[in-house]
Amino acid sequence: MTLNLDRPTFTLDTGQVVSLDDLAGTRISAILGTVWVTYEDNRKDLVLAPGESLVIAQDGRTVVQALQPALVNLQ
């Protein structure tokens, strides 16, 4: 994984996971590749295709896993 702290963009290889804590209100965008996103204490999982995004609704742990090589942006 590569994380750019100046611009919160990171790459994930297939199967690679990143855990994000307490980022309610942050938008996760799949720039390239497809990612699976799940939230702590929430049974609804989401899959983001290239160009799709979501806003993290609550604090707690959010897990992002690449289903294929991916470039992800946080805003």
C-alpha atoms as a PDB file:
ATOM      1  CA  MET A   1       0.000   0.000   0.000  1.00  0.00           C
ATOM      2  CA  THR A   2       1.139   3.521  -0.785  1.00  0.00           C
ATOM      3  CA  LEU A   3      -0.334   6.375   1.285  1.00  0.00           C
ATOM      4  CA  ASN A   4       0.142  10.009   0.301  1.00  0.00           C
ATOM      5  CA  LEU A   5      -0.461  12.201   3.359  1.00  0.00           C
ATOM      6  CA  ASP A   6      -0.488  15.464   1.364  1.00  0.00           C
ATOM      7  CA  ARG A   7      -3.365  14.164  -0.742  1.00  0.00           C
ATOM      8  CA  PRO A   8      -5.213  11.366   1.065  1.00  0.00           C
ATOM      9  CA  THR A   9      -4.982   8.930  -1.833  1.00  0.00           C
ATOM     10  CA  PHE A  10      -3.739   5.380  -1.538  1.00  0.00           C
ATOM     11  CA  THR A  11      -3.257   2.312  -3.692  1.00  0.00           C
ATOM     12  CA  LEU A  12      -4.247  -1.209  -2.724  1.00  0.00           C
ATOM     13  CA  ASP A  13      -3.253  -4.466  -4.380  1.00  0.00           C
ATOM     14  CA  THR A  14      -5.873  -7.174  -4.852  1.00  0.00           C
ATOM     15  CA  GLY A  15      -6.924  -8.474  -1.423  1.00  0.00           C
ATOM     16  CA  GLN A  16      -5.089  -5.760   0.475  1.00  0.00           C
ATOM     17  CA  VAL A  17      -7.008  -4.147   3.343  1.00  0.00           C
ATOM     18  CA  VAL A  18      -6.864  -0.776   5.069  1.00  0.00           C
ATOM     19  CA  SER A  19      -8.709   0.045   8.313  1.00  0.00           C
ATOM     20  CA  LEU A  20      -9.857   3.600   8.930  1.00  0.00           C
ATOM     21  CA  ASP A  21     -10.988   4.748  12.376  1.00  0.00           C
ATOM     22  CA  ASP A  22     -13.452   7.492  13.333  1.00  0.00           C
ATOM     23  CA  LEU A  23     -13.798   9.283   9.983  1.00  0.00           C
ATOM     24  CA  ALA A  24     -17.537  10.073   9.938  1.00  0.00           C
ATOM     25  CA  GLY A  25     -18.290  12.544   7.134  1.00  0.00           C
ATOM     26  CA  THR A  26     -15.290  11.485   5.031  1.00  0.00           C
ATOM     27  CA  ARG A  27     -15.946  10.586   1.383  1.00  0.00           C
ATOM     28  CA  ILE A  28     -14.296   7.417   0.072  1.00  0.00           C
ATOM     29  CA  SER A  29     -13.944   7.375  -3.714  1.00  0.00           C
ATOM     30  CA  ALA A  30     -12.779   4.499  -5.912  1.00  0.00           C
ATOM     31  CA  ILE A  31     -10.698   6.220  -8.573  1.00  0.00           C
ATOM     32  CA  LEU A  32      -9.486   2.998 -10.212  1.00  0.00           C
ATOM     33  CA  GLY A  33     -10.356  -0.611  -9.448  1.00  0.00           C
ATOM     34  CA  THR A  34     -13.142  -2.018  -7.285  1.00  0.00           C
ATOM     35  CA  VAL A  35     -13.209  -1.995  -3.479  1.00  0.00           C
ATOM     36  CA  TRP A  36     -15.395  -3.591  -0.828  1.00  0.00           C
ATOM     37  CA  VAL A  37     -16.290  -1.379   2.156  1.00  0.00           C
ATOM     38  CA  THR A  38     -17.740  -2.467   5.492  1.00  0.00           C
ATOM     39  CA  TYR A  39     -18.506  -0.537   8.698  1.00  0.00           C
ATOM     40  CA  GLU A  40     -18.182  -1.519  12.341  1.00  0.00           C
ATOM     41  CA  ASP A  41     -21.594  -2.469  13.820  1.00  0.00           C
ATOM     42  CA  ASN A  42     -23.298  -2.279  10.410  1.00  0.00           C
ATOM     43  CA  ARG A  43     -24.389  -5.339   8.425  1.00  0.00           C
ATOM     44  CA  LYS A  44     -24.595  -3.470   5.122  1.00  0.00           C
ATOM     45  CA  ASP A  45     -21.464  -3.905   3.008  1.00  0.00           C
ATOM     46  CA  LEU A  46     -20.884  -1.886  -0.147  1.00  0.00           C
ATOM     47  CA  VAL A  47     -18.858  -2.385  -3.313  1.00  0.00           C
ATOM     48  CA  LEU A  48     -17.495   0.695  -5.060  1.00  0.00           C
ATOM     49  CA  ALA A  49     -16.660   0.521  -8.750  1.00  0.00           C
ATOM     50  CA  PRO A  50     -14.403   3.069 -10.454  1.00  0.00           C
ATOM     51  CA  GLY A  51     -15.950   6.537 -10.197  1.00  0.00           C
ATOM     52  CA  GLU A  52     -18.265   5.629  -7.307  1.00  0.00           C
ATOM     53  CA  SER A  53     -18.036   7.020  -3.790  1.00  0.00           C
ATOM     54  CA  LEU A  54     -19.718   6.998  -0.402  1.00  0.00           C
ATOM     55  CA  VAL A  55     -19.666   9.135   2.728  1.00  0.00           C
ATOM     56  CA  ILE A  56     -18.795   7.376   5.978  1.00  0.00           C
ATOM     57  CA  ALA A  57     -21.957   7.767   8.055  1.00  0.00           C
ATOM     58  CA  GLN A  58     -20.628   7.054  11.549  1.00  0.00           C
ATOM     59  CA  ASP A  59     -17.465   6.942  13.608  1.00  0.00           C
ATOM     60  CA  GLY A  60     -15.944   3.561  14.350  1.00  0.00           C
ATOM     61  CA  ARG A  61     -13.878   1.291  12.136  1.00  0.00           C
ATOM     62  CA  THR A  62     -14.351   1.291   8.372  1.00  0.00           C
ATOM     63  CA  VAL A  63     -12.563  -1.436   6.415  1.00  0.00           C
ATOM     64  CA  VAL A  64     -11.708  -1.093   2.721  1.00  0.00           C
ATOM     65  CA  GLN A  65     -10.500  -4.129   0.739  1.00  0.00           C
ATOM     66  CA  ALA A  66      -9.414  -4.133  -2.883  1.00  0.00           C
ATOM     67  CA  LEU A  67     -11.204  -6.666  -5.078  1.00  0.00           C
ATOM     68  CA  GLN A  68      -8.698  -5.756  -7.791  1.00  0.00           C
ATOM     69  CA  PRO A  69      -5.787  -3.287  -7.818  1.00  0.00           C
ATOM     70  CA  ALA A  70      -7.315   0.018  -6.732  1.00  0.00           C
ATOM     71  CA  LEU A  71      -6.639   3.714  -6.261  1.00  0.00           C
ATOM     72  CA  VAL A  72      -8.757   5.209  -3.463  1.00  0.00           C
ATOM     73  CA  ASN A  73      -9.212   8.842  -2.419  1.00  0.00           C
ATOM     74  CA  LEU A  74     -10.428  10.249   0.912  1.00  0.00           C
ATOM     75  CA  GLN A  75     -11.984  13.719   1.130  1.00  0.00           C
END
